[in-house]
Amino acid sequence: MIGRILIAGVFLAAVACSANQLAPAQDSNLVDTVTLGAIFGAPIQYPAAYDITTGLPVRTDQSPGFDFIYNVDSLGRHVLLPLHAIDGLGNTSGSNPGFIRSTKTFEQVTSAPSDGYLTTDTLVIAPGDVLIARSRIACYLGVPQYAKFQVIDFADSNKTVRLQALADINCGYKNLQPGVPQN
Protein backbone atom coordinates (compact mmCIF):
# COMPACT_ATOMS: atom_id res chain seq x y z
CA MET A 1 0.00 0.00 0.00
CA ILE A 2 2.75 2.46 0.93
CA GLY A 3 4.56 1.60 -2.33
CA ARG A 4 1.45 2.46 -4.38
CA ILE A 5 1.04 5.77 -2.58
CA LEU A 6 4.72 6.60 -3.21
CA ILE A 7 4.43 5.72 -6.92
CA ALA A 8 1.24 7.76 -7.22
CA GLY A 9 2.97 10.71 -5.51
CA VAL A 10 5.93 10.54 -7.89
CA PHE A 11 3.56 10.36 -10.89
CA LEU A 12 1.55 13.37 -9.69
CA ALA A 13 4.72 15.38 -9.08
CA ALA A 14 5.94 14.58 -12.61
CA VAL A 15 2.61 15.65 -14.11
CA ALA A 16 2.58 18.82 -12.00
CA CYS A 17 6.04 19.78 -13.26
CA SER A 18 5.33 19.35 -16.95
CA ALA A 19 5.14 22.62 -18.88
CA ASN A 20 1.51 21.94 -19.89
CA GLN A 21 0.36 21.54 -16.27
CA LEU A 22 2.02 24.56 -14.68
CA ALA A 23 -0.15 27.18 -13.08
CA PRO A 24 -0.16 30.38 -15.13
CA ALA A 25 2.96 32.48 -14.57
CA GLN A 26 2.42 35.38 -12.18
CA ASP A 27 5.59 37.45 -12.65
CA SER A 28 6.70 39.24 -15.78
CA ASN A 29 10.30 38.69 -16.93
CA LEU A 30 12.19 41.99 -16.98
CA VAL A 31 15.60 42.92 -18.35
CA ASP A 32 17.66 44.72 -15.71
CA THR A 33 21.20 45.98 -15.26
CA VAL A 34 22.91 44.86 -12.06
CA THR A 35 26.30 45.64 -10.55
CA LEU A 36 28.16 43.05 -8.49
CA GLY A 37 31.30 43.68 -6.48
CA ALA A 38 34.10 41.17 -6.07
CA ILE A 39 33.69 39.05 -2.93
CA PHE A 40 37.22 40.12 -1.97
CA GLY A 41 38.15 43.78 -2.33
CA ALA A 42 35.05 45.60 -3.59
CA PRO A 43 33.36 48.30 -1.49
CA ILE A 44 30.68 46.80 0.75
CA GLN A 45 27.82 48.62 -0.99
CA TYR A 46 28.23 46.29 -3.99
CA PRO A 47 26.64 42.87 -3.42
CA ALA A 48 28.96 40.03 -4.50
CA ALA A 49 26.28 37.42 -5.15
CA TYR A 50 23.16 36.94 -7.26
CA ASP A 51 19.98 35.06 -6.40
CA ILE A 52 18.29 33.79 -9.58
CA THR A 53 15.15 32.79 -7.64
CA THR A 54 14.44 36.45 -6.77
CA GLY A 55 16.27 38.06 -9.69
CA LEU A 56 18.29 40.24 -7.33
CA PRO A 57 21.89 40.87 -6.24
CA VAL A 58 22.58 39.69 -2.69
CA ARG A 59 25.11 40.63 -0.01
CA THR A 60 26.55 37.37 1.31
CA ASP A 61 26.87 38.82 4.82
CA GLN A 62 23.11 39.40 4.89
CA SER A 63 21.70 36.30 3.18
CA PRO A 64 22.80 32.71 2.55
CA GLY A 65 20.37 32.47 -0.40
CA PHE A 66 22.34 32.95 -3.61
CA ASP A 67 23.41 31.00 -6.69
CA PHE A 68 26.77 32.49 -7.63
CA ILE A 69 29.33 35.10 -6.66
CA TYR A 70 31.58 37.43 -8.62
CA ASN A 71 35.28 37.79 -7.88
CA VAL A 72 38.59 38.90 -9.33
CA ASP A 73 41.03 36.01 -8.85
CA SER A 74 44.74 36.12 -7.95
CA LEU A 75 45.63 36.29 -11.67
CA GLY A 76 43.42 39.35 -12.15
CA ARG A 77 40.76 37.41 -14.07
CA HIS A 78 37.09 38.29 -13.66
CA VAL A 79 35.24 35.13 -12.62
CA LEU A 80 31.84 33.85 -11.59
CA LEU A 81 31.69 31.00 -9.08
CA PRO A 82 28.55 28.86 -8.90
CA LEU A 83 27.57 27.79 -5.40
CA HIS A 84 29.17 24.33 -5.56
CA ALA A 85 32.50 25.83 -6.70
CA ILE A 86 32.68 27.83 -3.46
CA ASP A 87 34.26 25.20 -1.23
CA GLY A 88 31.51 22.72 -2.10
CA LEU A 89 28.62 24.79 -0.71
CA GLY A 90 26.20 23.29 -3.21
CA ASN A 91 24.11 20.17 -2.96
CA THR A 92 25.97 16.85 -3.19
CA SER A 93 23.03 15.22 -4.95
CA GLY A 94 20.73 16.89 -7.42
CA SER A 95 20.87 20.09 -9.41
CA ASN A 96 23.36 22.77 -8.48
CA PRO A 97 23.53 26.32 -9.77
CA GLY A 98 25.62 26.63 -12.90
CA PHE A 99 26.33 28.32 -16.22
CA ILE A 100 26.32 27.60 -19.92
CA ARG A 101 28.30 29.98 -22.13
CA SER A 102 26.10 30.83 -25.12
CA THR A 103 27.16 31.58 -28.68
CA LYS A 104 23.87 33.45 -29.22
CA THR A 105 23.22 37.11 -28.46
CA PHE A 106 21.39 38.04 -25.27
CA GLU A 107 18.19 38.67 -27.27
CA GLN A 108 18.49 35.35 -29.16
CA VAL A 109 18.51 33.31 -25.93
CA THR A 110 14.79 32.62 -25.45
CA SER A 111 14.70 29.55 -23.21
CA ALA A 112 16.96 27.60 -20.89
CA PRO A 113 18.12 24.01 -21.43
CA SER A 114 17.60 21.49 -18.62
CA ASP A 115 21.20 20.28 -18.37
CA GLY A 116 24.79 20.86 -19.49
CA TYR A 117 25.61 23.50 -16.84
CA LEU A 118 29.10 24.11 -15.42
CA THR A 119 28.48 23.68 -11.69
CA THR A 120 31.78 22.83 -10.00
CA ASP A 121 34.34 25.29 -11.39
CA THR A 122 34.93 28.99 -11.85
CA LEU A 123 33.92 30.65 -15.10
CA VAL A 124 36.24 33.33 -16.51
CA ILE A 125 34.16 36.12 -18.07
CA ALA A 126 34.78 38.99 -20.48
CA PRO A 127 32.69 41.90 -21.80
CA GLY A 128 30.10 40.67 -24.29
CA ASP A 129 29.88 37.13 -22.87
CA VAL A 130 26.34 35.76 -22.80
CA LEU A 131 25.55 33.17 -20.13
CA ILE A 132 22.54 31.01 -19.34
CA ALA A 133 22.28 30.21 -15.64
CA ARG A 134 20.43 27.69 -13.48
CA SER A 135 19.56 28.30 -9.82
CA ARG A 136 19.71 26.08 -6.79
CA ILE A 137 16.50 24.21 -5.94
CA ALA A 138 14.42 26.79 -4.12
CA CYS A 139 10.95 26.78 -5.67
CA TYR A 140 8.05 24.79 -4.28
CA LEU A 141 8.03 22.31 -7.22
CA GLY A 142 11.56 21.16 -6.40
CA VAL A 143 13.01 22.40 -9.70
CA PRO A 144 15.61 25.08 -10.48
CA GLN A 145 14.85 28.46 -11.99
CA TYR A 146 16.70 30.05 -14.90
CA ALA A 147 18.26 33.32 -16.02
CA LYS A 148 20.44 34.82 -18.71
CA PHE A 149 23.20 37.39 -18.39
CA GLN A 150 25.42 39.47 -20.61
CA VAL A 151 28.65 40.95 -19.27
CA ILE A 152 28.55 44.68 -20.00
CA ASP A 153 31.82 45.88 -18.49
CA PHE A 154 34.17 45.91 -15.50
CA ALA A 155 35.28 48.76 -13.24
CA ASP A 156 38.67 47.58 -12.02
CA SER A 157 39.03 50.62 -9.74
CA ASN A 158 36.32 49.27 -7.43
CA LYS A 159 36.32 45.61 -8.56
CA THR A 160 32.80 45.55 -9.99
CA VAL A 161 31.05 44.01 -12.99
CA ARG A 162 27.90 45.27 -14.69
CA LEU A 163 25.59 42.62 -16.08
CA GLN A 164 22.47 42.76 -18.19
CA ALA A 165 20.17 40.25 -16.53
CA LEU A 166 16.82 38.53 -17.04
CA ALA A 167 15.72 36.02 -14.41
CA ASP A 168 12.53 33.98 -14.78
CA ILE A 169 11.36 33.83 -11.17
CA ASN A 170 8.23 31.83 -12.06
CA CYS A 171 8.65 28.34 -10.62
CA GLY A 172 8.89 25.68 -13.33
CA TYR A 173 9.28 28.03 -16.30
CA LYS A 174 12.33 28.18 -18.60
CA ASN A 175 11.32 31.19 -20.67
CA LEU A 176 14.06 33.81 -20.97
CA GLN A 177 12.22 36.53 -22.85
CA PRO A 178 10.69 39.75 -21.51
CA GLY A 179 7.03 39.51 -20.53
CA VAL A 180 4.90 36.92 -18.78
CA PRO A 181 6.29 33.48 -19.67
CA GLN A 182 4.18 30.85 -21.38
CA ASN A 183 6.52 27.84 -20.88
C-alpha atoms as a PDB file:
ATOM      1  CA  MET A   1       0.000   0.000   0.000  1.00  0.00           C
ATOM      2  CA  ILE A   2       2.748   2.465   0.928  1.00  0.00           C
ATOM      3  CA  GLY A   3       4.562   1.599  -2.326  1.00  0.00           C
ATOM      4  CA  ARG A   4       1.448   2.462  -4.381  1.00  0.00           C
ATOM      5  CA  ILE A   5       1.043   5.767  -2.579  1.00  0.00           C
ATOM      6  CA  LEU A   6       4.721   6.602  -3.206  1.00  0.00           C
ATOM      7  CA  ILE A   7       4.429   5.716  -6.919  1.00  0.00           C
ATOM      8  CA  ALA A   8       1.238   7.764  -7.217  1.00  0.00           C
ATOM      9  CA  GLY A   9       2.968  10.708  -5.510  1.00  0.00           C
ATOM     10  CA  VAL A  10       5.929  10.543  -7.890  1.00  0.00           C
ATOM     11  CA  PHE A  11       3.560  10.358 -10.888  1.00  0.00           C
ATOM     12  CA  LEU A  12       1.551  13.373  -9.687  1.00  0.00           C
ATOM     13  CA  ALA A  13       4.725  15.376  -9.082  1.00  0.00           C
ATOM     14  CA  ALA A  14       5.943  14.582 -12.612  1.00  0.00           C
ATOM     15  CA  VAL A  15       2.607  15.651 -14.106  1.00  0.00           C
ATOM     16  CA  ALA A  16       2.580  18.817 -11.996  1.00  0.00           C
ATOM     17  CA  CYS A  17       6.036  19.777 -13.256  1.00  0.00           C
ATOM     18  CA  SER A  18       5.327  19.352 -16.952  1.00  0.00           C
ATOM     19  CA  ALA A  19       5.136  22.623 -18.881  1.00  0.00           C
ATOM     20  CA  ASN A  20       1.505  21.939 -19.885  1.00  0.00           C
ATOM     21  CA  GLN A  21       0.361  21.536 -16.272  1.00  0.00           C
ATOM     22  CA  LEU A  22       2.016  24.561 -14.676  1.00  0.00           C
ATOM     23  CA  ALA A  23      -0.147  27.177 -13.080  1.00  0.00           C
ATOM     24  CA  PRO A  24      -0.159  30.380 -15.129  1.00  0.00           C
ATOM     25  CA  ALA A  25       2.965  32.476 -14.572  1.00  0.00           C
ATOM     26  CA  GLN A  26       2.425  35.380 -12.178  1.00  0.00           C
ATOM     27  CA  ASP A  27       5.594  37.452 -12.646  1.00  0.00           C
ATOM     28  CA  SER A  28       6.702  39.244 -15.776  1.00  0.00           C
ATOM     29  CA  ASN A  29      10.297  38.687 -16.931  1.00  0.00           C
ATOM     30  CA  LEU A  30      12.188  41.986 -16.984  1.00  0.00           C
ATOM     31  CA  VAL A  31      15.599  42.915 -18.345  1.00  0.00           C
ATOM     32  CA  ASP A  32      17.656  44.719 -15.714  1.00  0.00           C
ATOM     33  CA  THR A  33      21.202  45.980 -15.259  1.00  0.00           C
ATOM     34  CA  VAL A  34      22.912  44.863 -12.060  1.00  0.00           C
ATOM     35  CA  THR A  35      26.304  45.645 -10.547  1.00  0.00           C
ATOM     36  CA  LEU A  36      28.156  43.054  -8.494  1.00  0.00           C
ATOM     37  CA  GLY A  37      31.303  43.685  -6.480  1.00  0.00           C
ATOM     38  CA  ALA A  38      34.097  41.170  -6.067  1.00  0.00           C
ATOM     39  CA  ILE A  39      33.689  39.055  -2.934  1.00  0.00           C
ATOM     40  CA  PHE A  40      37.225  40.117  -1.970  1.00  0.00           C
ATOM     41  CA  GLY A  41      38.154  43.785  -2.329  1.00  0.00           C
ATOM     42  CA  ALA A  42      35.049  45.601  -3.592  1.00  0.00           C
ATOM     43  CA  PRO A  43      33.363  48.302  -1.495  1.00  0.00           C
ATOM     44  CA  ILE A  44      30.683  46.805   0.745  1.00  0.00           C
ATOM     45  CA  GLN A  45      27.817  48.620  -0.987  1.00  0.00           C
ATOM     46  CA  TYR A  46      28.225  46.290  -3.989  1.00  0.00           C
ATOM     47  CA  PRO A  47      26.636  42.872  -3.420  1.00  0.00           C
ATOM     48  CA  ALA A  48      28.957  40.032  -4.499  1.00  0.00           C
ATOM     49  CA  ALA A  49      26.277  37.418  -5.148  1.00  0.00           C
ATOM     50  CA  TYR A  50      23.165  36.945  -7.263  1.00  0.00           C
ATOM     51  CA  ASP A  51      19.978  35.061  -6.400  1.00  0.00           C
ATOM     52  CA  ILE A  52      18.285  33.789  -9.575  1.00  0.00           C
ATOM     53  CA  THR A  53      15.149  32.794  -7.643  1.00  0.00           C
ATOM     54  CA  THR A  54      14.440  36.445  -6.774  1.00  0.00           C
ATOM     55  CA  GLY A  55      16.268  38.063  -9.693  1.00  0.00           C
ATOM     56  CA  LEU A  56      18.290  40.238  -7.329  1.00  0.00           C
ATOM     57  CA  PRO A  57      21.895  40.871  -6.245  1.00  0.00           C
ATOM     58  CA  VAL A  58      22.584  39.688  -2.688  1.00  0.00           C
ATOM     59  CA  ARG A  59      25.106  40.634  -0.014  1.00  0.00           C
ATOM     60  CA  THR A  60      26.552  37.374   1.312  1.00  0.00           C
ATOM     61  CA  ASP A  61      26.872  38.824   4.817  1.00  0.00           C
ATOM     62  CA  GLN A  62      23.111  39.405   4.892  1.00  0.00           C
ATOM     63  CA  SER A  63      21.699  36.305   3.185  1.00  0.00           C
ATOM     64  CA  PRO A  64      22.800  32.713   2.553  1.00  0.00           C
ATOM     65  CA  GLY A  65      20.366  32.471  -0.395  1.00  0.00           C
ATOM     66  CA  PHE A  66      22.342  32.947  -3.606  1.00  0.00           C
ATOM     67  CA  ASP A  67      23.409  30.999  -6.689  1.00  0.00           C
ATOM     68  CA  PHE A  68      26.770  32.491  -7.634  1.00  0.00           C
ATOM     69  CA  ILE A  69      29.330  35.098  -6.660  1.00  0.00           C
ATOM     70  CA  TYR A  70      31.583  37.429  -8.619  1.00  0.00           C
ATOM     71  CA  ASN A  71      35.280  37.791  -7.882  1.00  0.00           C
ATOM     72  CA  VAL A  72      38.593  38.903  -9.334  1.00  0.00           C
ATOM     73  CA  ASP A  73      41.025  36.007  -8.849  1.00  0.00           C
ATOM     74  CA  SER A  74      44.738  36.120  -7.952  1.00  0.00           C
ATOM     75  CA  LEU A  75      45.632  36.289 -11.667  1.00  0.00           C
ATOM     76  CA  GLY A  76      43.423  39.355 -12.150  1.00  0.00           C
ATOM     77  CA  ARG A  77      40.760  37.413 -14.071  1.00  0.00           C
ATOM     78  CA  HIS A  78      37.089  38.287 -13.662  1.00  0.00           C
ATOM     79  CA  VAL A  79      35.243  35.126 -12.619  1.00  0.00           C
ATOM     80  CA  LEU A  80      31.842  33.848 -11.587  1.00  0.00           C
ATOM     81  CA  LEU A  81      31.691  30.998  -9.083  1.00  0.00           C
ATOM     82  CA  PRO A  82      28.547  28.861  -8.901  1.00  0.00           C
ATOM     83  CA  LEU A  83      27.575  27.793  -5.395  1.00  0.00           C
ATOM     84  CA  HIS A  84      29.171  24.325  -5.556  1.00  0.00           C
ATOM     85  CA  ALA A  85      32.501  25.829  -6.700  1.00  0.00           C
ATOM     86  CA  ILE A  86      32.675  27.831  -3.455  1.00  0.00           C
ATOM     87  CA  ASP A  87      34.259  25.196  -1.226  1.00  0.00           C
ATOM     88  CA  GLY A  88      31.508  22.720  -2.105  1.00  0.00           C
ATOM     89  CA  LEU A  89      28.622  24.790  -0.709  1.00  0.00           C
ATOM     90  CA  GLY A  90      26.200  23.290  -3.212  1.00  0.00           C
ATOM     91  CA  ASN A  91      24.106  20.170  -2.958  1.00  0.00           C
ATOM     92  CA  THR A  92      25.974  16.853  -3.192  1.00  0.00           C
ATOM     93  CA  SER A  93      23.035  15.216  -4.946  1.00  0.00           C
ATOM     94  CA  GLY A  94      20.731  16.886  -7.422  1.00  0.00           C
ATOM     95  CA  SER A  95      20.871  20.090  -9.410  1.00  0.00           C
ATOM     96  CA  ASN A  96      23.358  22.765  -8.476  1.00  0.00           C
ATOM     97  CA  PRO A  97      23.525  26.318  -9.774  1.00  0.00           C
ATOM     98  CA  GLY A  98      25.618  26.631 -12.900  1.00  0.00           C
ATOM     99  CA  PHE A  99      26.329  28.323 -16.218  1.00  0.00           C
ATOM    100  CA  ILE A 100      26.320  27.596 -19.922  1.00  0.00           C
ATOM    101  CA  ARG A 101      28.295  29.977 -22.128  1.00  0.00           C
ATOM    102  CA  SER A 102      26.100  30.835 -25.115  1.00  0.00           C
ATOM    103  CA  THR A 103      27.159  31.580 -28.677  1.00  0.00           C
ATOM    104  CA  LYS A 104      23.874  33.454 -29.216  1.00  0.00           C
ATOM    105  CA  THR A 105      23.224  37.113 -28.463  1.00  0.00           C
ATOM    106  CA  PHE A 106      21.388  38.042 -25.274  1.00  0.00           C
ATOM    107  CA  GLU A 107      18.194  38.670 -27.270  1.00  0.00           C
ATOM    108  CA  GLN A 108      18.489  35.348 -29.159  1.00  0.00           C
ATOM    109  CA  VAL A 109      18.505  33.306 -25.934  1.00  0.00           C
ATOM    110  CA  THR A 110      14.789  32.623 -25.452  1.00  0.00           C
ATOM    111  CA  SER A 111      14.699  29.548 -23.212  1.00  0.00           C
ATOM    112  CA  ALA A 112      16.961  27.596 -20.889  1.00  0.00           C
ATOM    113  CA  PRO A 113      18.120  24.009 -21.428  1.00  0.00           C
ATOM    114  CA  SER A 114      17.605  21.492 -18.623  1.00  0.00           C
ATOM    115  CA  ASP A 115      21.203  20.277 -18.372  1.00  0.00           C
ATOM    116  CA  GLY A 116      24.793  20.865 -19.485  1.00  0.00           C
ATOM    117  CA  TYR A 117      25.606  23.496 -16.837  1.00  0.00           C
ATOM    118  CA  LEU A 118      29.097  24.112 -15.422  1.00  0.00           C
ATOM    119  CA  THR A 119      28.480  23.676 -11.687  1.00  0.00           C
ATOM    120  CA  THR A 120      31.783  22.828 -10.005  1.00  0.00           C
ATOM    121  CA  ASP A 121      34.342  25.285 -11.392  1.00  0.00           C
ATOM    122  CA  THR A 122      34.927  28.991 -11.850  1.00  0.00           C
ATOM    123  CA  LEU A 123      33.921  30.651 -15.102  1.00  0.00           C
ATOM    124  CA  VAL A 124      36.236  33.333 -16.509  1.00  0.00           C
ATOM    125  CA  ILE A 125      34.159  36.116 -18.069  1.00  0.00           C
ATOM    126  CA  ALA A 126      34.784  38.989 -20.480  1.00  0.00           C
ATOM    127  CA  PRO A 127      32.693  41.902 -21.797  1.00  0.00           C
ATOM    128  CA  GLY A 128      30.105  40.670 -24.290  1.00  0.00           C
ATOM    129  CA  ASP A 129      29.881  37.134 -22.871  1.00  0.00           C
ATOM    130  CA  VAL A 130      26.338  35.758 -22.798  1.00  0.00           C
ATOM    131  CA  LEU A 131      25.549  33.170 -20.130  1.00  0.00           C
ATOM    132  CA  ILE A 132      22.540  31.012 -19.337  1.00  0.00           C
ATOM    133  CA  ALA A 133      22.285  30.211 -15.635  1.00  0.00           C
ATOM    134  CA  ARG A 134      20.435  27.691 -13.483  1.00  0.00           C
ATOM    135  CA  SER A 135      19.557  28.301  -9.816  1.00  0.00           C
ATOM    136  CA  ARG A 136      19.713  26.080  -6.791  1.00  0.00           C
ATOM    137  CA  ILE A 137      16.503  24.212  -5.940  1.00  0.00           C
ATOM    138  CA  ALA A 138      14.416  26.787  -4.123  1.00  0.00           C
ATOM    139  CA  CYS A 139      10.952  26.779  -5.670  1.00  0.00           C
ATOM    140  CA  TYR A 140       8.054  24.786  -4.283  1.00  0.00           C
ATOM    141  CA  LEU A 141       8.029  22.307  -7.216  1.00  0.00           C
ATOM    142  CA  GLY A 142      11.556  21.163  -6.397  1.00  0.00           C
ATOM    143  CA  VAL A 143      13.012  22.399  -9.702  1.00  0.00           C
ATOM    144  CA  PRO A 144      15.608  25.081 -10.476  1.00  0.00           C
ATOM    145  CA  GLN A 145      14.847  28.456 -11.992  1.00  0.00           C
ATOM    146  CA  TYR A 146      16.701  30.049 -14.901  1.00  0.00           C
ATOM    147  CA  ALA A 147      18.263  33.321 -16.016  1.00  0.00           C
ATOM    148  CA  LYS A 148      20.436  34.825 -18.708  1.00  0.00           C
ATOM    149  CA  PHE A 149      23.197  37.390 -18.386  1.00  0.00           C
ATOM    150  CA  GLN A 150      25.424  39.471 -20.613  1.00  0.00           C
ATOM    151  CA  VAL A 151      28.646  40.948 -19.268  1.00  0.00           C
ATOM    152  CA  ILE A 152      28.551  44.684 -20.004  1.00  0.00           C
ATOM    153  CA  ASP A 153      31.824  45.884 -18.487  1.00  0.00           C
ATOM    154  CA  PHE A 154      34.171  45.909 -15.500  1.00  0.00           C
ATOM    155  CA  ALA A 155      35.284  48.756 -13.239  1.00  0.00           C
ATOM    156  CA  ASP A 156      38.670  47.581 -12.021  1.00  0.00           C
ATOM    157  CA  SER A 157      39.025  50.622  -9.736  1.00  0.00           C
ATOM    158  CA  ASN A 158      36.315  49.274  -7.426  1.00  0.00           C
ATOM    159  CA  LYS A 159      36.315  45.609  -8.560  1.00  0.00           C
ATOM    160  CA  THR A 160      32.799  45.547  -9.988  1.00  0.00           C
ATOM    161  CA  VAL A 161      31.055  44.014 -12.988  1.00  0.00           C
ATOM    162  CA  ARG A 162      27.904  45.275 -14.688  1.00  0.00           C
ATOM    163  CA  LEU A 163      25.589  42.621 -16.084  1.00  0.00           C
ATOM    164  CA  GLN A 164      22.469  42.764 -18.188  1.00  0.00           C
ATOM    165  CA  ALA A 165      20.165  40.249 -16.533  1.00  0.00           C
ATOM    166  CA  LEU A 166      16.821  38.534 -17.039  1.00  0.00           C
ATOM    167  CA  ALA A 167      15.715  36.015 -14.409  1.00  0.00           C
ATOM    168  CA  ASP A 168      12.529  33.981 -14.778  1.00  0.00           C
ATOM    169  CA  ILE A 169      11.357  33.826 -11.166  1.00  0.00           C
ATOM    170  CA  ASN A 170       8.235  31.833 -12.064  1.00  0.00           C
ATOM    171  CA  CYS A 171       8.649  28.340 -10.623  1.00  0.00           C
ATOM    172  CA  GLY A 172       8.891  25.679 -13.334  1.00  0.00           C
ATOM    173  CA  TYR A 173       9.282  28.034 -16.303  1.00  0.00           C
ATOM    174  CA  LYS A 174      12.332  28.178 -18.601  1.00  0.00           C
ATOM    175  CA  ASN A 175      11.323  31.190 -20.667  1.00  0.00           C
ATOM    176  CA  LEU A 176      14.063  33.812 -20.973  1.00  0.00           C
ATOM    177  CA  GLN A 177      12.216  36.534 -22.853  1.00  0.00           C
ATOM    178  CA  PRO A 178      10.694  39.751 -21.510  1.00  0.00           C
ATOM    179  CA  GLY A 179       7.032  39.505 -20.532  1.00  0.00           C
ATOM    180  CA  VAL A 180       4.899  36.922 -18.776  1.00  0.00           C
ATOM    181  CA  PRO A 181       6.289  33.476 -19.674  1.00  0.00           C
ATOM    182  CA  GLN A 182       4.175  30.848 -21.378  1.00  0.00           C
ATOM    183  CA  ASN A 183       6.521  27.842 -20.884  1.00  0.00           C
END
